[in-house]
């Protein structure tokens, strides 16, 4: 008989997701916390959204938080240093 450890993510008494890895469960819990924060922010915003649409948008934004800050700048490549030329004068 094998023993399997499962981590449940529960929000407001509702089981949201089951994981076998604590790190993944914690990451998903943080994602849901961010979505709740965004939902509250959207509720106070200037655009009236229905509750279901607002929650879906908040979850979408939380899932794509890495893309919200805009494109990442890649550092410019340094120009190759010129090699010194040695001239022999006879």
N, C-alpha and C. Protein backbone atom coordinates (compact mmCIF):
# COMPACT_ATOMS: atom_id res chain seq x y z
N UNK A 1 0.85 -1.17 0.00
CA UNK A 1 0.00 0.00 0.00
C UNK A 1 0.89 1.24 0.00
N UNK A 2 0.65 2.15 -0.92
CA UNK A 2 1.43 3.37 -1.02
C UNK A 2 0.69 4.51 -0.32
N UNK A 3 1.47 5.37 0.29
CA UNK A 3 0.92 6.55 0.95
C UNK A 3 1.24 7.76 0.07
N UNK A 4 0.23 8.53 -0.26
CA UNK A 4 0.41 9.71 -1.08
C UNK A 4 0.00 10.94 -0.28
N UNK A 5 0.87 11.91 -0.23
CA UNK A 5 0.55 13.15 0.45
C UNK A 5 -0.04 14.11 -0.57
N UNK A 6 -1.16 14.72 -0.21
CA UNK A 6 -1.81 15.68 -1.09
C UNK A 6 -1.99 16.99 -0.35
N UNK A 7 -1.78 18.07 -1.07
CA UNK A 7 -1.95 19.41 -0.52
C UNK A 7 -3.17 20.03 -1.19
N UNK A 8 -4.13 20.45 -0.38
CA UNK A 8 -5.35 21.04 -0.89
C UNK A 8 -5.28 22.56 -0.75
N UNK A 9 -5.63 23.25 -1.80
CA UNK A 9 -5.76 24.70 -1.73
C UNK A 9 -7.24 24.99 -1.57
N UNK A 10 -7.60 25.57 -0.43
CA UNK A 10 -8.99 25.85 -0.10
C UNK A 10 -9.15 27.35 0.08
N UNK A 11 -10.11 27.93 -0.61
CA UNK A 11 -10.41 29.36 -0.51
C UNK A 11 -11.88 29.53 -0.19
N UNK A 12 -12.16 30.26 0.90
CA UNK A 12 -13.54 30.54 1.31
C UNK A 12 -14.36 29.26 1.44
N UNK A 13 -13.72 28.23 1.97
CA UNK A 13 -14.40 26.96 2.19
C UNK A 13 -14.59 26.10 0.96
N UNK A 14 -14.03 26.54 -0.17
CA UNK A 14 -14.18 25.79 -1.42
C UNK A 14 -12.82 25.24 -1.83
N UNK A 15 -12.78 23.93 -2.09
CA UNK A 15 -11.55 23.30 -2.54
C UNK A 15 -11.27 23.72 -3.98
N UNK A 16 -10.13 24.39 -4.18
CA UNK A 16 -9.80 24.92 -5.50
C UNK A 16 -8.94 23.96 -6.32
N UNK A 17 -7.93 23.36 -5.68
CA UNK A 17 -7.00 22.52 -6.44
C UNK A 17 -6.29 21.59 -5.46
N UNK A 18 -5.85 20.45 -5.97
CA UNK A 18 -5.10 19.48 -5.20
C UNK A 18 -3.73 19.31 -5.84
N UNK A 19 -2.70 19.30 -5.01
CA UNK A 19 -1.32 19.14 -5.48
C UNK A 19 -0.62 18.04 -4.69
N UNK A 20 0.40 17.47 -5.28
CA UNK A 20 1.23 16.51 -4.57
C UNK A 20 2.55 17.14 -4.15
N UNK A 21 2.73 18.42 -4.47
CA UNK A 21 3.96 19.13 -4.18
C UNK A 21 3.59 20.40 -3.39
N UNK A 22 4.18 20.58 -2.21
CA UNK A 22 3.87 21.73 -1.37
C UNK A 22 4.25 23.04 -2.05
N UNK A 23 5.35 23.06 -2.77
CA UNK A 23 5.79 24.27 -3.45
C UNK A 23 4.76 24.73 -4.48
N UNK A 24 4.21 23.80 -5.25
CA UNK A 24 3.19 24.14 -6.24
C UNK A 24 1.90 24.61 -5.57
N UNK A 25 1.54 23.97 -4.47
CA UNK A 25 0.33 24.36 -3.74
C UNK A 25 0.47 25.78 -3.19
N UNK A 26 1.63 26.10 -2.63
CA UNK A 26 1.87 27.45 -2.12
C UNK A 26 1.85 28.48 -3.24
N UNK A 27 2.43 28.15 -4.37
CA UNK A 27 2.44 29.07 -5.52
C UNK A 27 1.02 29.34 -6.00
N UNK A 28 0.19 28.31 -6.06
CA UNK A 28 -1.19 28.48 -6.49
C UNK A 28 -1.98 29.30 -5.48
N UNK A 29 -1.70 29.08 -4.20
CA UNK A 29 -2.36 29.85 -3.15
C UNK A 29 -2.01 31.34 -3.27
N UNK A 30 -0.73 31.63 -3.54
CA UNK A 30 -0.31 33.03 -3.74
C UNK A 30 -0.99 33.63 -4.98
N UNK A 31 -1.15 32.83 -6.02
CA UNK A 31 -1.83 33.29 -7.22
C UNK A 31 -3.28 33.67 -6.90
N UNK A 32 -3.96 32.85 -6.11
CA UNK A 32 -5.34 33.14 -5.74
C UNK A 32 -5.42 34.38 -4.85
N UNK A 33 -4.44 34.56 -3.97
CA UNK A 33 -4.41 35.76 -3.13
C UNK A 33 -4.27 37.01 -3.99
N UNK A 34 -3.38 36.96 -4.98
CA UNK A 34 -3.21 38.09 -5.89
C UNK A 34 -4.49 38.34 -6.67
N UNK A 35 -5.15 37.29 -7.13
CA UNK A 35 -6.40 37.44 -7.87
C UNK A 35 -7.47 38.10 -6.99
N UNK A 36 -7.53 37.75 -5.71
CA UNK A 36 -8.49 38.37 -4.80
C UNK A 36 -8.18 39.86 -4.63
N UNK A 37 -6.90 40.19 -4.52
CA UNK A 37 -6.49 41.59 -4.40
C UNK A 37 -6.87 42.36 -5.67
N UNK A 38 -6.60 41.78 -6.82
CA UNK A 38 -6.93 42.43 -8.09
C UNK A 38 -8.45 42.57 -8.25
N UNK A 39 -9.20 41.59 -7.77
CA UNK A 39 -10.65 41.66 -7.84
C UNK A 39 -11.16 42.85 -7.04
N UNK A 40 -10.61 43.06 -5.85
CA UNK A 40 -11.02 44.20 -5.03
C UNK A 40 -10.64 45.52 -5.71
N UNK A 41 -9.48 45.54 -6.34
CA UNK A 41 -9.04 46.73 -7.05
C UNK A 41 -9.95 47.03 -8.24
N UNK A 42 -10.29 46.00 -8.99
CA UNK A 42 -11.19 46.17 -10.13
C UNK A 42 -12.59 46.61 -9.70
N UNK A 43 -13.03 46.14 -8.55
CA UNK A 43 -14.35 46.51 -8.05
C UNK A 43 -14.42 48.00 -7.75
N UNK A 44 -13.29 48.59 -7.36
CA UNK A 44 -13.28 50.02 -7.05
C UNK A 44 -12.89 50.87 -8.25
N UNK A 45 -12.70 50.23 -9.40
CA UNK A 45 -12.28 50.94 -10.60
C UNK A 45 -13.42 51.67 -11.30
N UNK A 46 -13.10 52.43 -12.34
CA UNK A 46 -14.10 53.25 -13.03
C UNK A 46 -14.99 52.47 -14.01
N UNK A 47 -14.67 51.21 -14.26
CA UNK A 47 -15.46 50.41 -15.21
C UNK A 47 -16.31 49.42 -14.42
N UNK A 48 -17.60 49.41 -14.69
CA UNK A 48 -18.51 48.49 -14.00
C UNK A 48 -18.46 47.13 -14.68
N UNK A 49 -18.05 46.12 -13.92
CA UNK A 49 -18.00 44.75 -14.43
C UNK A 49 -18.89 43.88 -13.55
N UNK A 50 -19.49 42.89 -14.15
CA UNK A 50 -20.23 41.91 -13.37
C UNK A 50 -19.27 41.11 -12.50
N UNK A 51 -19.75 40.56 -11.42
CA UNK A 51 -18.89 39.84 -10.48
C UNK A 51 -18.13 38.70 -11.16
N UNK A 52 -18.83 37.93 -11.97
CA UNK A 52 -18.19 36.79 -12.64
C UNK A 52 -17.10 37.26 -13.62
N UNK A 53 -17.40 38.30 -14.39
CA UNK A 53 -16.40 38.83 -15.33
C UNK A 53 -15.21 39.42 -14.59
N UNK A 54 -15.49 40.15 -13.50
CA UNK A 54 -14.42 40.76 -12.71
C UNK A 54 -13.50 39.70 -12.11
N UNK A 55 -14.07 38.63 -11.58
CA UNK A 55 -13.26 37.55 -11.01
C UNK A 55 -12.43 36.85 -12.08
N UNK A 56 -13.03 36.64 -13.26
CA UNK A 56 -12.29 36.00 -14.36
C UNK A 56 -11.15 36.89 -14.82
N UNK A 57 -11.38 38.20 -14.92
CA UNK A 57 -10.33 39.12 -15.32
C UNK A 57 -9.24 39.19 -14.27
N UNK A 58 -9.60 39.21 -13.00
CA UNK A 58 -8.62 39.25 -11.92
C UNK A 58 -7.74 38.00 -11.95
N UNK A 59 -8.33 36.85 -12.16
CA UNK A 59 -7.56 35.60 -12.22
C UNK A 59 -6.64 35.61 -13.44
N UNK A 60 -7.15 36.08 -14.58
CA UNK A 60 -6.33 36.16 -15.79
C UNK A 60 -5.12 37.08 -15.56
N UNK A 61 -5.35 38.24 -14.96
CA UNK A 61 -4.25 39.17 -14.70
C UNK A 61 -3.24 38.57 -13.72
N UNK A 62 -3.72 37.86 -12.72
CA UNK A 62 -2.82 37.22 -11.76
C UNK A 62 -1.98 36.14 -12.44
N UNK A 63 -2.59 35.39 -13.34
CA UNK A 63 -1.87 34.33 -14.04
C UNK A 63 -0.83 34.89 -15.00
N UNK A 64 -1.02 36.12 -15.47
CA UNK A 64 -0.10 36.73 -16.44
C UNK A 64 0.63 37.93 -15.84
N UNK A 65 0.87 37.89 -14.55
CA UNK A 65 1.49 39.02 -13.87
C UNK A 65 2.88 39.34 -14.41
N UNK A 66 3.59 38.36 -14.92
CA UNK A 66 4.93 38.61 -15.44
C UNK A 66 4.89 39.47 -16.70
N UNK A 67 3.77 39.48 -17.40
CA UNK A 67 3.65 40.26 -18.63
C UNK A 67 3.07 41.66 -18.39
N UNK A 68 2.63 41.94 -17.17
CA UNK A 68 2.02 43.23 -16.87
C UNK A 68 3.03 44.37 -16.83
N UNK A 69 4.27 44.09 -16.53
CA UNK A 69 5.26 45.15 -16.39
C UNK A 69 5.82 45.58 -17.74
N UNK A 70 5.38 44.97 -18.81
CA UNK A 70 5.86 45.34 -20.13
C UNK A 70 6.99 44.45 -20.57
N UNK A 71 7.49 44.70 -21.76
CA UNK A 71 8.58 43.86 -22.27
C UNK A 71 9.86 44.07 -21.48
N UNK A 72 10.58 43.02 -21.34
CA UNK A 72 11.86 43.07 -20.64
C UNK A 72 12.92 43.60 -21.58
N UNK A 73 13.76 44.46 -21.06
CA UNK A 73 14.85 44.97 -21.88
C UNK A 73 16.00 44.00 -21.81
N UNK A 74 16.55 43.71 -22.95
CA UNK A 74 17.73 42.84 -22.98
C UNK A 74 18.95 43.73 -23.00
N UNK A 75 19.96 43.40 -22.23
CA UNK A 75 21.14 44.25 -22.19
C UNK A 75 21.84 44.25 -23.55
N UNK A 76 22.34 45.41 -23.92
CA UNK A 76 23.05 45.53 -25.20
C UNK A 76 24.34 44.73 -25.13
N UNK A 77 24.65 44.09 -26.24
CA UNK A 77 25.88 43.32 -26.28
C UNK A 77 27.05 44.27 -26.37
N UNK A 78 28.07 43.96 -25.62
CA UNK A 78 29.27 44.79 -25.65
C UNK A 78 30.03 44.53 -26.93
N UNK A 79 30.57 45.59 -27.48
CA UNK A 79 31.37 45.45 -28.70
C UNK A 79 32.67 44.73 -28.36
N UNK A 80 33.10 43.92 -29.26
CA UNK A 80 34.35 43.17 -29.04
C UNK A 80 35.50 44.16 -28.95
N UNK A 81 36.38 43.90 -28.02
CA UNK A 81 37.54 44.77 -27.87
C UNK A 81 38.47 44.57 -29.06
N UNK A 82 38.95 45.67 -29.63
CA UNK A 82 39.87 45.52 -30.76
C UNK A 82 41.18 44.91 -30.29
N UNK A 83 41.70 44.03 -31.11
CA UNK A 83 42.98 43.42 -30.76
C UNK A 83 44.10 44.36 -31.16
N UNK A 84 45.11 44.40 -30.37
CA UNK A 84 46.24 45.27 -30.65
C UNK A 84 47.06 44.69 -31.78
N UNK A 85 47.42 45.54 -32.73
CA UNK A 85 48.25 45.09 -33.85
C UNK A 85 49.70 45.49 -33.56
N UNK A 86 50.58 44.59 -33.78
CA UNK A 86 52.00 44.86 -33.57
C UNK A 86 52.65 44.94 -34.94
N UNK A 87 53.30 46.08 -35.18
CA UNK A 87 53.98 46.26 -36.46
C UNK A 87 55.48 46.15 -36.21
N UNK A 88 56.10 45.37 -37.01
CA UNK A 88 57.56 45.22 -36.92
C UNK A 88 58.17 46.09 -38.00
N UNK A 89 59.03 46.99 -37.56
CA UNK A 89 59.70 47.89 -38.51
C UNK A 89 61.13 47.43 -38.62
N UNK A 90 61.58 47.17 -39.82
CA UNK A 90 62.95 46.69 -40.00
C UNK A 90 63.84 47.79 -40.52
